[in-house]
C-alpha atoms as a PDB file:
ATOM      1  CA  UNK A   1      75.186  61.836 119.531  1.00  0.00           C
ATOM      2  CA  UNK A   2      75.715  65.020 121.281  1.00  0.00           C
ATOM      3  CA  UNK A   3      77.999  65.048 124.320  1.00  0.00           C
ATOM      4  CA  UNK A   4      77.348  67.194 127.819  1.00  0.00           C
ATOM      5  CA  UNK A   5      79.180  70.626 127.596  1.00  0.00           C
ATOM      6  CA  UNK A   6      81.833  70.547 130.473  1.00  0.00           C
ATOM      7  CA  UNK A   7      83.485  74.260 131.488  1.00  0.00           C
ATOM      8  CA  UNK A   8      84.995  73.792 134.130  1.00  0.00           C
ATOM      9  CA  UNK A   9      86.959  70.145 134.223  1.00  0.00           C
ATOM     10  CA  UNK A  10      87.404  70.499 138.289  1.00  0.00           C
ATOM     11  CA  UNK A  11      83.593  70.623 139.245  1.00  0.00           C
ATOM     12  CA  UNK A  12      83.448  67.170 136.309  1.00  0.00           C
ATOM     13  CA  UNK A  13      86.515  65.619 138.398  1.00  0.00           C
ATOM     14  CA  UNK A  14      84.932  66.821 142.265  1.00  0.00           C
ATOM     15  CA  UNK A  15      81.422  65.070 141.125  1.00  0.00           C
ATOM     16  CA  UNK A  16      83.357  61.795 140.170  1.00  0.00           C
ATOM     17  CA  UNK A  17      85.646  61.249 142.600  1.00  0.00           C
ATOM     18  CA  UNK A  18      84.934  63.249 145.600  1.00  0.00           C
ATOM     19  CA  UNK A  19      88.609  65.377 146.344  1.00  0.00           C
ATOM     20  CA  UNK A  20      88.103  65.557 150.160  1.00  0.00           C
ATOM     21  CA  UNK A  21      88.379  61.481 150.045  1.00  0.00           C
ATOM     22  CA  UNK A  22      91.168  61.335 147.832  1.00  0.00           C
ATOM     23  CA  UNK A  23      93.559  64.133 149.803  1.00  0.00           C
ATOM     24  CA  UNK A  24      97.195  63.174 148.707  1.00  0.00           C
ATOM     25  CA  UNK A  25      96.959  63.992 145.190  1.00  0.00           C
ATOM     26  CA  UNK A  26      99.775  63.651 142.452  1.00  0.00           C
ATOM     27  CA  UNK A  27      99.148  65.183 138.919  1.00  0.00           C
ATOM     28  CA  UNK A  28     101.292  63.913 136.050  1.00  0.00           C
ATOM     29  CA  UNK A  29     102.320  66.587 133.324  1.00  0.00           C
ATOM     30  CA  UNK A  30     100.957  69.267 135.742  1.00  0.00           C
ATOM     31  CA  UNK A  31     102.386  71.908 133.094  1.00  0.00           C
ATOM     32  CA  UNK A  32     101.401  75.247 134.703  1.00  0.00           C
ATOM     33  CA  UNK A  33      99.664  73.751 137.257  1.00  0.00           C
ATOM     34  CA  UNK A  34      96.627  75.872 137.108  1.00  0.00           C
ATOM     35  CA  UNK A  35      94.400  73.117 137.508  1.00  0.00           C
ATOM     36  CA  UNK A  36      96.735  72.137 140.822  1.00  0.00           C
ATOM     37  CA  UNK A  37      96.445  75.575 142.305  1.00  0.00           C
ATOM     38  CA  UNK A  38      92.553  75.475 141.826  1.00  0.00           C
ATOM     39  CA  UNK A  39      92.339  71.880 143.253  1.00  0.00           C
ATOM     40  CA  UNK A  40      93.893  73.460 146.739  1.00  0.00           C
ATOM     41  CA  UNK A  41      91.638  76.454 146.484  1.00  0.00           C
ATOM     42  CA  UNK A  42      88.523  73.844 147.096  1.00  0.00           C
ATOM     43  CA  UNK A  43      89.838  70.780 148.942  1.00  0.00           C
ATOM     44  CA  UNK A  44      91.775  72.596 151.976  1.00  0.00           C
ATOM     45  CA  UNK A  45      92.087  69.059 152.870  1.00  0.00           C
ATOM     46  CA  UNK A  46      94.565  68.184 150.062  1.00  0.00           C
ATOM     47  CA  UNK A  47      98.176  67.935 149.587  1.00  0.00           C
ATOM     48  CA  UNK A  48      99.268  68.212 145.476  1.00  0.00           C
ATOM     49  CA  UNK A  49     102.143  67.293 143.820  1.00  0.00           C
ATOM     50  CA  UNK A  50     102.859  67.980 140.626  1.00  0.00           C
ATOM     51  CA  UNK A  51     105.154  66.580 138.201  1.00  0.00           C
ATOM     52  CA  UNK A  52     106.344  67.707 134.966  1.00  0.00           C
ATOM     53  CA  UNK A  53     109.500  66.547 132.660  1.00  0.00           C
ATOM     54  CA  UNK A  54     110.127  69.634 130.947  1.00  0.00           C
ATOM     55  CA  UNK A  55     112.758  71.366 133.058  1.00  0.00           C
ATOM     56  CA  UNK A  56     111.672  75.445 131.948  1.00  0.00           C
ATOM     57  CA  UNK A  57     108.125  74.610 132.929  1.00  0.00           C
ATOM     58  CA  UNK A  58     109.232  73.138 136.492  1.00  0.00           C
ATOM     59  CA  UNK A  59     111.372  76.410 137.106  1.00  0.00           C
ATOM     60  CA  UNK A  60     108.864  78.442 136.428  1.00  0.00           C
ATOM     61  CA  UNK A  61     106.359  76.748 139.111  1.00  0.00           C
ATOM     62  CA  UNK A  62     109.242  76.529 141.740  1.00  0.00           C
ATOM     63  CA  UNK A  63     109.033  80.641 141.039  1.00  0.00           C
ATOM     64  CA  UNK A  64     105.356  80.741 142.280  1.00  0.00           C
ATOM     65  CA  UNK A  65     105.303  78.457 145.816  1.00  0.00           C
ATOM     66  CA  UNK A  66     101.982  77.447 147.773  1.00  0.00           C
ATOM     67  CA  UNK A  67     101.601  75.652 150.545  1.00  0.00           C
ATOM     68  CA  UNK A  68     100.517  72.314 150.300  1.00  0.00           C
ATOM     69  CA  UNK A  69     101.567  72.342 146.917  1.00  0.00           C
ATOM     70  CA  UNK A  70     104.852  70.555 145.385  1.00  0.00           C
ATOM     71  CA  UNK A  71     107.210  70.567 142.397  1.00  0.00           C
ATOM     72  CA  UNK A  72     109.154  67.681 140.974  1.00  0.00           C
ATOM     73  CA  UNK A  73     110.761  67.173 137.554  1.00  0.00           C
ATOM     74  CA  UNK A  74     110.136  64.218 136.561  1.00  0.00           C
ATOM     75  CA  UNK A  75     107.818  62.054 133.712  1.00  0.00           C
ATOM     76  CA  UNK A  76     105.040  59.568 134.561  1.00  0.00           C
ATOM     77  CA  UNK A  77     107.412  56.739 133.386  1.00  0.00           C
ATOM     78  CA  UNK A  78     110.004  57.342 136.277  1.00  0.00           C
ATOM     79  CA  UNK A  79     108.556  58.568 139.364  1.00  0.00           C
ATOM     80  CA  UNK A  80     110.486  59.519 142.323  1.00  0.00           C
ATOM     81  CA  UNK A  81     108.420  58.401 145.116  1.00  0.00           C
ATOM     82  CA  UNK A  82     107.821  55.264 147.265  1.00  0.00           C
ATOM     83  CA  UNK A  83     105.339  53.024 147.050  1.00  0.00           C
ATOM     84  CA  UNK A  84     101.444  53.811 148.317  1.00  0.00           C
ATOM     85  CA  UNK A  85     101.870  57.152 148.963  1.00  0.00           C
ATOM     86  CA  UNK A  86      99.283  58.720 146.989  1.00  0.00           C
ATOM     87  CA  UNK A  87      95.145  58.878 146.930  1.00  0.00           C
ATOM     88  CA  UNK A  88      94.426  60.152 143.470  1.00  0.00           C
ATOM     89  CA  UNK A  89      96.448  60.603 140.662  1.00  0.00           C
ATOM     90  CA  UNK A  90      95.633  63.044 137.817  1.00  0.00           C
ATOM     91  CA  UNK A  91      96.889  62.747 133.740  1.00  0.00           C
ATOM     92  CA  UNK A  92      95.092  65.401 132.008  1.00  0.00           C
ATOM     93  CA  UNK A  93      95.731  65.601 128.420  1.00  0.00           C
ATOM     94  CA  UNK A  94      99.293  63.787 129.283  1.00  0.00           C
ATOM     95  CA  UNK A  95      99.141  60.579 128.993  1.00  0.00           C
ATOM     96  CA  UNK A  96      99.811  61.162 125.152  1.00  0.00           C
ATOM     97  CA  UNK A  97     102.049  62.624 125.538  1.00  0.00           C
ATOM     98  CA  UNK A  98     104.833  59.860 126.931  1.00  0.00           C
ATOM     99  CA  UNK A  99     106.942  58.568 125.103  1.00  0.00           C
ATOM    100  CA  UNK A 100     105.169  55.214 123.119  1.00  0.00           C
ATOM    101  CA  UNK A 101     107.752  52.624 123.968  1.00  0.00           C
ATOM    102  CA  UNK A 102     107.099  53.676 128.306  1.00  0.00           C
ATOM    103  CA  UNK A 103     103.190  53.791 128.214  1.00  0.00           C
ATOM    104  CA  UNK A 104     102.824  50.558 129.992  1.00  0.00           C
ATOM    105  CA  UNK A 105     105.862  51.569 132.086  1.00  0.00           C
ATOM    106  CA  UNK A 106     104.259  55.059 133.095  1.00  0.00           C
ATOM    107  CA  UNK A 107     101.045  53.558 133.807  1.00  0.00           C
ATOM    108  CA  UNK A 108     102.617  50.784 136.359  1.00  0.00           C
ATOM    109  CA  UNK A 109     104.660  53.443 138.117  1.00  0.00           C
ATOM    110  CA  UNK A 110     101.331  55.383 138.732  1.00  0.00           C
ATOM    111  CA  UNK A 111      99.969  52.245 140.014  1.00  0.00           C
ATOM    112  CA  UNK A 112     102.971  51.661 142.230  1.00  0.00           C
ATOM    113  CA  UNK A 113     102.879  55.054 143.452  1.00  0.00           C
ATOM    114  CA  UNK A 114      99.225  54.686 144.536  1.00  0.00           C
ATOM    115  CA  UNK A 115      97.497  53.363 147.696  1.00  0.00           C
ATOM    116  CA  UNK A 116      95.665  50.384 147.484  1.00  0.00           C
ATOM    117  CA  UNK A 117      91.804  50.851 145.895  1.00  0.00           C
ATOM    118  CA  UNK A 118      93.500  54.500 144.665  1.00  0.00           C
ATOM    119  CA  UNK A 119      92.345  56.180 141.860  1.00  0.00           C
ATOM    120  CA  UNK A 120      93.644  57.212 138.557  1.00  0.00           C
ATOM    121  CA  UNK A 121      91.512  59.951 136.190  1.00  0.00           C
ATOM    122  CA  UNK A 122      92.888  60.262 132.983  1.00  0.00           C
ATOM    123  CA  UNK A 123      91.522  62.802 131.037  1.00  0.00           C
ATOM    124  CA  UNK A 124      92.145  62.687 126.880  1.00  0.00           C
ATOM    125  CA  UNK A 125      91.397  64.525 123.876  1.00  0.00           C
ATOM    126  CA  UNK A 126      89.616  62.616 121.036  1.00  0.00           C
ATOM    127  CA  UNK A 127      91.138  62.812 117.717  1.00  0.00           C
ATOM    128  CA  UNK A 128      88.334  64.875 115.886  1.00  0.00           C
ATOM    129  CA  UNK A 129      86.765  68.383 115.978  1.00  0.00           C
ATOM    130  CA  UNK A 130      87.599  71.921 114.255  1.00  0.00           C
ATOM    131  CA  UNK A 131      90.564  72.358 116.749  1.00  0.00           C
ATOM    132  CA  UNK A 132      92.035  69.196 115.802  1.00  0.00           C
ATOM    133  CA  UNK A 133      92.121  70.106 112.129  1.00  0.00           C
ATOM    134  CA  UNK A 134      94.036  73.402 112.992  1.00  0.00           C
ATOM    135  CA  UNK A 135      96.467  71.425 115.376  1.00  0.00           C
ATOM    136  CA  UNK A 136      96.957  68.512 113.088  1.00  0.00           C
ATOM    137  CA  UNK A 137      98.646  70.774 110.355  1.00  0.00           C
ATOM    138  CA  UNK A 138     101.497  71.663 112.203  1.00  0.00           C
ATOM    139  CA  UNK A 139     101.772  68.920 115.196  1.00  0.00           C
ATOM    140  CA  UNK A 140      99.094  65.501 114.439  1.00  0.00           C
ATOM    141  CA  UNK A 141      98.708  63.705 117.588  1.00  0.00           C
ATOM    142  CA  UNK A 142      96.193  60.876 115.977  1.00  0.00           C
ATOM    143  CA  UNK A 143      99.389  57.614 116.614  1.00  0.00           C
ATOM    144  CA  UNK A 144     100.193  58.569 120.111  1.00  0.00           C
ATOM    145  CA  UNK A 145      96.576  59.893 121.235  1.00  0.00           C
ATOM    146  CA  UNK A 146      95.199  56.049 119.968  1.00  0.00           C
ATOM    147  CA  UNK A 147      98.819  54.811 121.792  1.00  0.00           C
ATOM    148  CA  UNK A 148      97.166  56.525 124.591  1.00  0.00           C
ATOM    149  CA  UNK A 149      93.775  54.910 124.383  1.00  0.00           C
ATOM    150  CA  UNK A 150      95.557  51.446 124.224  1.00  0.00           C
ATOM    151  CA  UNK A 151      97.947  51.763 126.755  1.00  0.00           C
ATOM    152  CA  UNK A 152      94.878  52.103 129.214  1.00  0.00           C
ATOM    153  CA  UNK A 153      92.898  49.696 127.651  1.00  0.00           C
ATOM    154  CA  UNK A 154      95.902  47.097 128.014  1.00  0.00           C
ATOM    155  CA  UNK A 155      96.278  48.429 131.749  1.00  0.00           C
ATOM    156  CA  UNK A 156      92.688  47.023 132.497  1.00  0.00           C
ATOM    157  CA  UNK A 157      92.789  43.966 130.589  1.00  0.00           C
ATOM    158  CA  UNK A 158      96.062  43.064 132.481  1.00  0.00           C
ATOM    159  CA  UNK A 159      93.961  42.824 135.788  1.00  0.00           C
ATOM    160  CA  UNK A 160      96.094  45.498 137.309  1.00  0.00           C
ATOM    161  CA  UNK A 161      93.386  47.854 137.318  1.00  0.00           C
ATOM    162  CA  UNK A 162      89.739  47.969 137.068  1.00  0.00           C
ATOM    163  CA  UNK A 163      87.918  50.947 135.379  1.00  0.00           C
ATOM    164  CA  UNK A 164      85.627  52.662 137.288  1.00  0.00           C
ATOM    165  CA  UNK A 165      84.122  54.660 134.328  1.00  0.00           C
ATOM    166  CA  UNK A 166      84.422  55.668 130.634  1.00  0.00           C
ATOM    167  CA  UNK A 167      82.580  59.215 129.604  1.00  0.00           C
ATOM    168  CA  UNK A 168      82.779  61.252 127.227  1.00  0.00           C
ATOM    169  CA  UNK A 169      82.152  65.112 127.575  1.00  0.00           C
ATOM    170  CA  UNK A 170      82.862  68.746 125.279  1.00  0.00           C
ATOM    171  CA  UNK A 171      84.880  71.824 126.310  1.00  0.00           C
ATOM    172  CA  UNK A 172      84.753  74.697 124.575  1.00  0.00           C
ATOM    173  CA  UNK A 173      87.871  76.615 124.214  1.00  0.00           C
ATOM    174  CA  UNK A 174      88.358  80.137 123.280  1.00  0.00           C
ATOM    175  CA  UNK A 175      91.351  82.272 121.917  1.00  0.00           C
ATOM    176  CA  UNK A 176      90.992  86.069 121.388  1.00  0.00           C
ATOM    177  CA  UNK A 177      93.031  85.639 118.178  1.00  0.00           C
ATOM    178  CA  UNK A 178      95.336  84.084 116.559  1.00  0.00           C
ATOM    179  CA  UNK A 179      98.542  85.682 118.232  1.00  0.00           C
ATOM    180  CA  UNK A 180      97.015  84.043 121.744  1.00  0.00           C
ATOM    181  CA  UNK A 181      96.681  80.718 119.786  1.00  0.00           C
ATOM    182  CA  UNK A 182     100.172  80.993 118.466  1.00  0.00           C
ATOM    183  CA  UNK A 183     101.207  81.462 122.260  1.00  0.00           C
ATOM    184  CA  UNK A 184      99.327  78.942 123.830  1.00  0.00           C
ATOM    185  CA  UNK A 185      99.597  76.347 121.154  1.00  0.00           C
ATOM    186  CA  UNK A 186     102.924  76.912 119.123  1.00  0.00           C
ATOM    187  CA  UNK A 187     105.169  78.396 121.207  1.00  0.00           C
ATOM    188  CA  UNK A 188     104.878  75.615 124.512  1.00  0.00           C
ATOM    189  CA  UNK A 189     107.962  74.821 126.126  1.00  0.00           C
ATOM    190  CA  UNK A 190     107.612  71.085 126.186  1.00  0.00           C
ATOM    191  CA  UNK A 191     107.527  70.485 122.332  1.00  0.00           C
ATOM    192  CA  UNK A 192     109.716  72.214 119.902  1.00  0.00           C
ATOM    193  CA  UNK A 193     107.208  73.518 117.275  1.00  0.00           C
ATOM    194  CA  UNK A 194     109.576  75.253 114.643  1.00  0.00           C
ATOM    195  CA  UNK A 195     107.017  75.882 111.796  1.00  0.00           C
ATOM    196  CA  UNK A 196     107.695  77.326 108.444  1.00  0.00           C
ATOM    197  CA  UNK A 197     106.570  80.276 106.708  1.00  0.00           C
ATOM    198  CA  UNK A 198     104.142  78.342 104.550  1.00  0.00           C
ATOM    199  CA  UNK A 199     102.958  76.236 107.579  1.00  0.00           C
ATOM    200  CA  UNK A 200     102.132  78.764 109.854  1.00  0.00           C
ATOM    201  CA  UNK A 201     100.106  80.370 106.835  1.00  0.00           C
ATOM    202  CA  UNK A 202      98.181  77.528 106.329  1.00  0.00           C
ATOM    203  CA  UNK A 203      97.674  77.610 110.232  1.00  0.00           C
ATOM    204  CA  UNK A 204      96.660  81.195 110.224  1.00  0.00           C
ATOM    205  CA  UNK A 205      94.158  80.365 107.414  1.00  0.00           C
ATOM    206  CA  UNK A 206      92.707  77.346 108.902  1.00  0.00           C
ATOM    207  CA  UNK A 207      92.130  78.797 112.101  1.00  0.00           C
ATOM    208  CA  UNK A 208      91.121  82.640 111.060  1.00  0.00           C
ATOM    209  CA  UNK A 209      88.202  80.728 109.534  1.00  0.00           C
ATOM    210  CA  UNK A 210      86.765  80.411 112.761  1.00  0.00           C
ATOM    211  CA  UNK A 211      87.141  83.794 114.032  1.00  0.00           C
ATOM    212  CA  UNK A 212      83.923  86.130 115.336  1.00  0.00           C
ATOM    213  CA  UNK A 213      84.043  89.179 116.559  1.00  0.00           C
ATOM    214  CA  UNK A 214      84.664  87.913 119.453  1.00  0.00           C
ATOM    215  CA  UNK A 215      87.342  85.504 118.793  1.00  0.00           C
ATOM    216  CA  UNK A 216      87.459  81.974 117.886  1.00  0.00           C
ATOM    217  CA  UNK A 217      85.534  79.508 119.807  1.00  0.00           C
ATOM    218  CA  UNK A 218      85.910  75.912 119.334  1.00  0.00           C
ATOM    219  CA  UNK A 219      84.639  72.703 121.125  1.00  0.00           C
ATOM    220  CA  UNK A 220      87.371  69.906 122.235  1.00  0.00           C
ATOM    221  CA  UNK A 221      85.688  66.193 122.532  1.00  0.00           C
ATOM    222  CA  UNK A 222      87.328  64.787 125.399  1.00  0.00           C
ATOM    223  CA  UNK A 223      87.289  61.301 127.115  1.00  0.00           C
ATOM    224  CA  UNK A 224      88.070  60.268 130.501  1.00  0.00           C
ATOM    225  CA  UNK A 225      88.678  56.877 132.191  1.00  0.00           C
ATOM    226  CA  UNK A 226      88.658  56.509 135.823  1.00  0.00           C
ATOM    227  CA  UNK A 227      90.567  53.624 136.772  1.00  0.00           C
ATOM    228  CA  UNK A 228      91.020  51.747 140.714  1.00  0.00           C
ATOM    229  CA  UNK A 229      94.270  49.700 141.534  1.00  0.00           C
ATOM    230  CA  UNK A 230      93.313  46.421 142.192  1.00  0.00           C
END
């Protein structure tokens, strides 16, 4: 069954939750904070706090300050804020990076810092698709992605959350060439990918099978779970 194609996830998020109704936002695992910065441009009333466990990425974020945007180095399993501080929590492709034995703690922490009836938006890649087949040669996430989904399901089953929606969509991903793929997907700071020559060659070969005149185009299948704090 074909899924809707979503080019801009922020448009999708806005249509789903109405950002102006949730002005105090925390993004957990914000990375380079591109979404947080774009979010502020669309929501003048919003204030965003970006958390990232990666010390180097957090330092880079702090070098580029912006009004109504704050950065903190921390993981979702230990959020350094008081209870009921935020209206909306965002986890975009970050829940499966939480250590498996701390998933339930992380979701409990998110619940703690949300106000009553606050929302948690969890967006996770589905373990499928051509890009996944390239990635799994050096970074197989089948186990952690399945664990992240179980964590969400168990949190809902516990009665702590109501699930407002579970939705699926496809997101286009483009790389100009293998060098860009290597920089964006292999040379990340939060995971130390040390590929030997044989593995790197295999990754390049599988990637370049998708190269066309304008680069390599993929479609990443995504799942969104929107939860509301009880």
